[in-house]
Every structure is written in C-alpha cells, then in structure tokens.
Protein backbone atom coordinates (compact mmCIF):
# COMPACT_ATOMS: atom_id res chain seq x y z
CA MET A 1 -8.36 -14.54 -23.38
CA PHE A 2 -7.09 -13.29 -20.02
CA GLN A 3 -8.90 -16.10 -18.21
CA LYS A 4 -7.36 -18.68 -20.51
CA ALA A 5 -3.85 -17.30 -19.89
CA LEU A 6 -4.52 -17.22 -16.15
CA LEU A 7 -5.69 -20.84 -16.23
CA ILE A 8 -2.58 -21.93 -18.12
CA CYS A 9 -0.34 -20.14 -15.60
CA ALA A 10 -2.19 -21.76 -12.71
CA LEU A 11 -1.83 -25.22 -14.26
CA LEU A 12 1.88 -24.70 -14.87
CA LEU A 13 2.40 -23.54 -11.31
CA ALA A 14 0.41 -26.46 -9.92
CA SER A 15 2.39 -28.95 -11.99
CA THR A 16 5.70 -27.62 -10.70
CA LEU A 17 4.46 -27.76 -7.12
CA THR A 18 3.27 -31.35 -7.36
CA LEU A 19 6.50 -32.49 -8.98
CA ALA A 20 8.63 -31.31 -6.07
CA ALA A 21 10.88 -34.14 -5.00
CA PRO A 22 14.50 -34.47 -4.00
CA SER A 23 16.94 -34.92 -6.86
CA PRO A 24 19.10 -38.03 -6.83
CA ALA A 25 21.97 -35.88 -5.51
CA ALA A 26 19.79 -34.54 -2.67
CA LYS A 27 18.60 -38.04 -1.78
CA LYS A 28 22.21 -39.18 -1.66
CA GLU A 29 23.18 -36.28 0.62
CA ILE A 30 20.26 -36.93 2.97
CA GLY A 31 21.19 -40.60 3.14
CA GLN A 32 24.80 -39.64 3.84
CA LEU A 33 23.68 -37.32 6.65
CA MET A 34 21.74 -40.14 8.26
CA ASP A 35 24.71 -42.47 7.77
CA ALA A 36 26.96 -39.89 9.43
CA LEU A 37 24.67 -39.90 12.46
CA SER A 38 24.50 -43.70 12.51
CA HIS A 39 28.29 -44.04 12.50
CA SER A 40 29.08 -41.05 14.70
CA GLY A 41 28.79 -42.66 18.11
CA CYS A 42 26.93 -39.52 19.13
CA GLN A 43 23.77 -39.26 21.18
CA PHE A 44 20.66 -37.46 19.98
CA GLN A 45 18.27 -35.58 22.24
CA ARG A 46 14.65 -34.99 21.45
CA ASN A 47 12.03 -33.71 23.84
CA GLY A 48 14.43 -33.93 26.77
CA SER A 49 15.47 -37.58 26.32
CA TRP A 50 18.73 -38.90 24.90
CA TYR A 51 18.78 -41.64 22.28
CA GLY A 52 21.46 -43.66 20.57
CA ALA A 53 22.33 -43.07 16.95
CA ALA A 54 20.28 -46.04 15.67
CA GLU A 55 17.10 -44.87 17.41
CA ALA A 56 17.71 -41.31 16.25
CA ARG A 57 18.18 -42.41 12.67
CA ALA A 58 14.96 -44.44 12.75
CA HIS A 59 13.08 -41.41 14.08
CA LEU A 60 14.52 -39.10 11.44
CA GLN A 61 13.80 -41.65 8.71
CA ARG A 62 10.12 -41.67 9.74
CA LYS A 63 10.02 -37.88 9.63
CA TYR A 64 11.79 -37.84 6.26
CA ASP A 65 9.38 -40.42 4.81
CA TYR A 66 6.44 -38.32 6.02
CA LEU A 67 7.90 -35.17 4.45
CA LEU A 68 8.46 -37.03 1.17
CA LYS A 69 4.80 -38.09 1.08
CA LYS A 70 3.77 -34.47 1.62
CA ASP A 71 6.27 -33.14 -0.97
CA ARG A 72 7.89 -31.00 1.71
CA VAL A 73 11.56 -31.82 1.23
CA ASP A 74 13.62 -31.20 -1.90
CA THR A 75 17.11 -30.57 -0.55
CA ALA A 76 19.43 -31.63 2.24
CA GLU A 77 18.98 -28.17 3.76
CA GLN A 78 15.22 -28.68 3.88
CA PHE A 79 15.74 -32.09 5.48
CA ILE A 80 17.85 -30.47 8.18
CA GLN A 81 15.38 -27.63 8.72
CA ARG A 82 12.16 -29.64 8.56
CA ALA A 83 13.16 -33.04 10.00
CA ALA A 84 16.45 -32.93 11.86
CA SER A 85 16.34 -29.63 13.77
CA GLU A 86 13.36 -29.69 16.09
CA SER A 87 10.40 -31.68 17.30
CA SER A 88 7.33 -31.11 15.19
CA VAL A 89 5.25 -31.95 18.28
CA SER A 90 6.84 -29.79 20.99
CA GLY A 91 8.87 -27.35 18.88
CA ARG A 92 11.93 -28.03 21.06
CA SER A 93 15.29 -28.06 19.31
CA TYR A 94 17.01 -31.39 18.87
CA ARG A 95 20.53 -31.68 20.32
CA VAL A 96 23.51 -33.84 19.41
CA LYS A 97 26.25 -34.79 21.87
CA CYS A 98 29.55 -36.15 20.59
CA GLN A 99 32.53 -36.83 22.85
CA GLY A 100 30.97 -34.67 25.57
CA LYS A 101 30.37 -31.69 23.26
CA GLU A 102 26.68 -30.80 22.92
CA GLN A 103 25.20 -28.63 20.18
CA ASP A 104 21.96 -27.99 18.32
CA ALA A 105 21.25 -30.75 15.83
CA SER A 106 20.78 -28.19 13.06
CA ALA A 107 24.39 -27.01 13.55
CA TRP A 108 25.70 -30.58 13.73
CA PHE A 109 23.89 -31.66 10.55
CA GLY A 110 24.88 -28.42 8.80
CA GLY A 111 28.52 -29.12 9.62
CA GLN A 112 28.20 -32.69 8.36
CA LEU A 113 26.65 -31.42 5.11
CA GLN A 114 29.54 -29.00 4.60
CA LYS A 115 32.04 -31.84 5.13
CA LEU A 116 30.20 -34.06 2.63
CA ARG A 117 30.14 -31.34 0.01
CA HIS A 118 33.77 -30.44 0.58
CA LYS A 119 34.74 -34.10 0.08
CA ALA A 120 32.61 -34.34 -3.06
CA ALA A 121 33.97 -31.15 -4.62
CA PRO A 122 36.44 -31.77 -7.43
CA ALA A 123 40.05 -30.92 -6.61
CA ARG A 124 41.39 -27.83 -8.33
C-alpha cells in the first residue's frame, strides 16, 4: 500500500515537472522585455564585447528557445535570471549601456519588467 501511494506521488510530481512552461502572460512579458531591448537604442555587452540591440535580442532569443526546450523558464523573472543576466559559457555578467549609463543587464531587465507591470496594472 505504501509503495503504491509513493508511486502515485512520484507520478504526480513528475507530471507537474514536465508540464512546466511559461503561461501566456509570462510569454507576453518576456516578449515585451525583448521588444524593450530592441527599441531601447541601448548597447548590450557580453563576454567583453558590445553589441547592438538587434544582435543582443537574437542572442537572448536563442538562449530563451533553449531554455524553453529544457523546461527551464516559466516566468519573466526566470528569463532574466537564466538568459538575460550572464553568459552561460563564461559566467560573466551581461551589461547594458543606455545614453552613457552602464548597468548590469539583470538590473536593466528588472527595471523594464517593473515598468511593464506598472503600466499593465489596473488604475485604482
């Protein structure tokens, strides 16, 4: 009896793990974050080299697609942490430079996410 209950619990846990995928709202936010980068006019640094917004977006899209295949991204926060913050090869932090102001990409994307959510929040 105990083994049967344990098996059922394991199957339920496995099914929830394999079904991990971003919700439509999360997919929209992630797309909006990439759009924000594309339209920002900012530069994006990875592994010591600076890239334009279009090249940066293409790179992040490849990383996002990879994470989707591996079921490793469910939220915009996970996208920022796992794709848009640092190089998965070197471990070096990504940087964003806008109008001469440089900051970690994680902070830039986090700020963009806050702006998106603030805009989307219903007025009280």
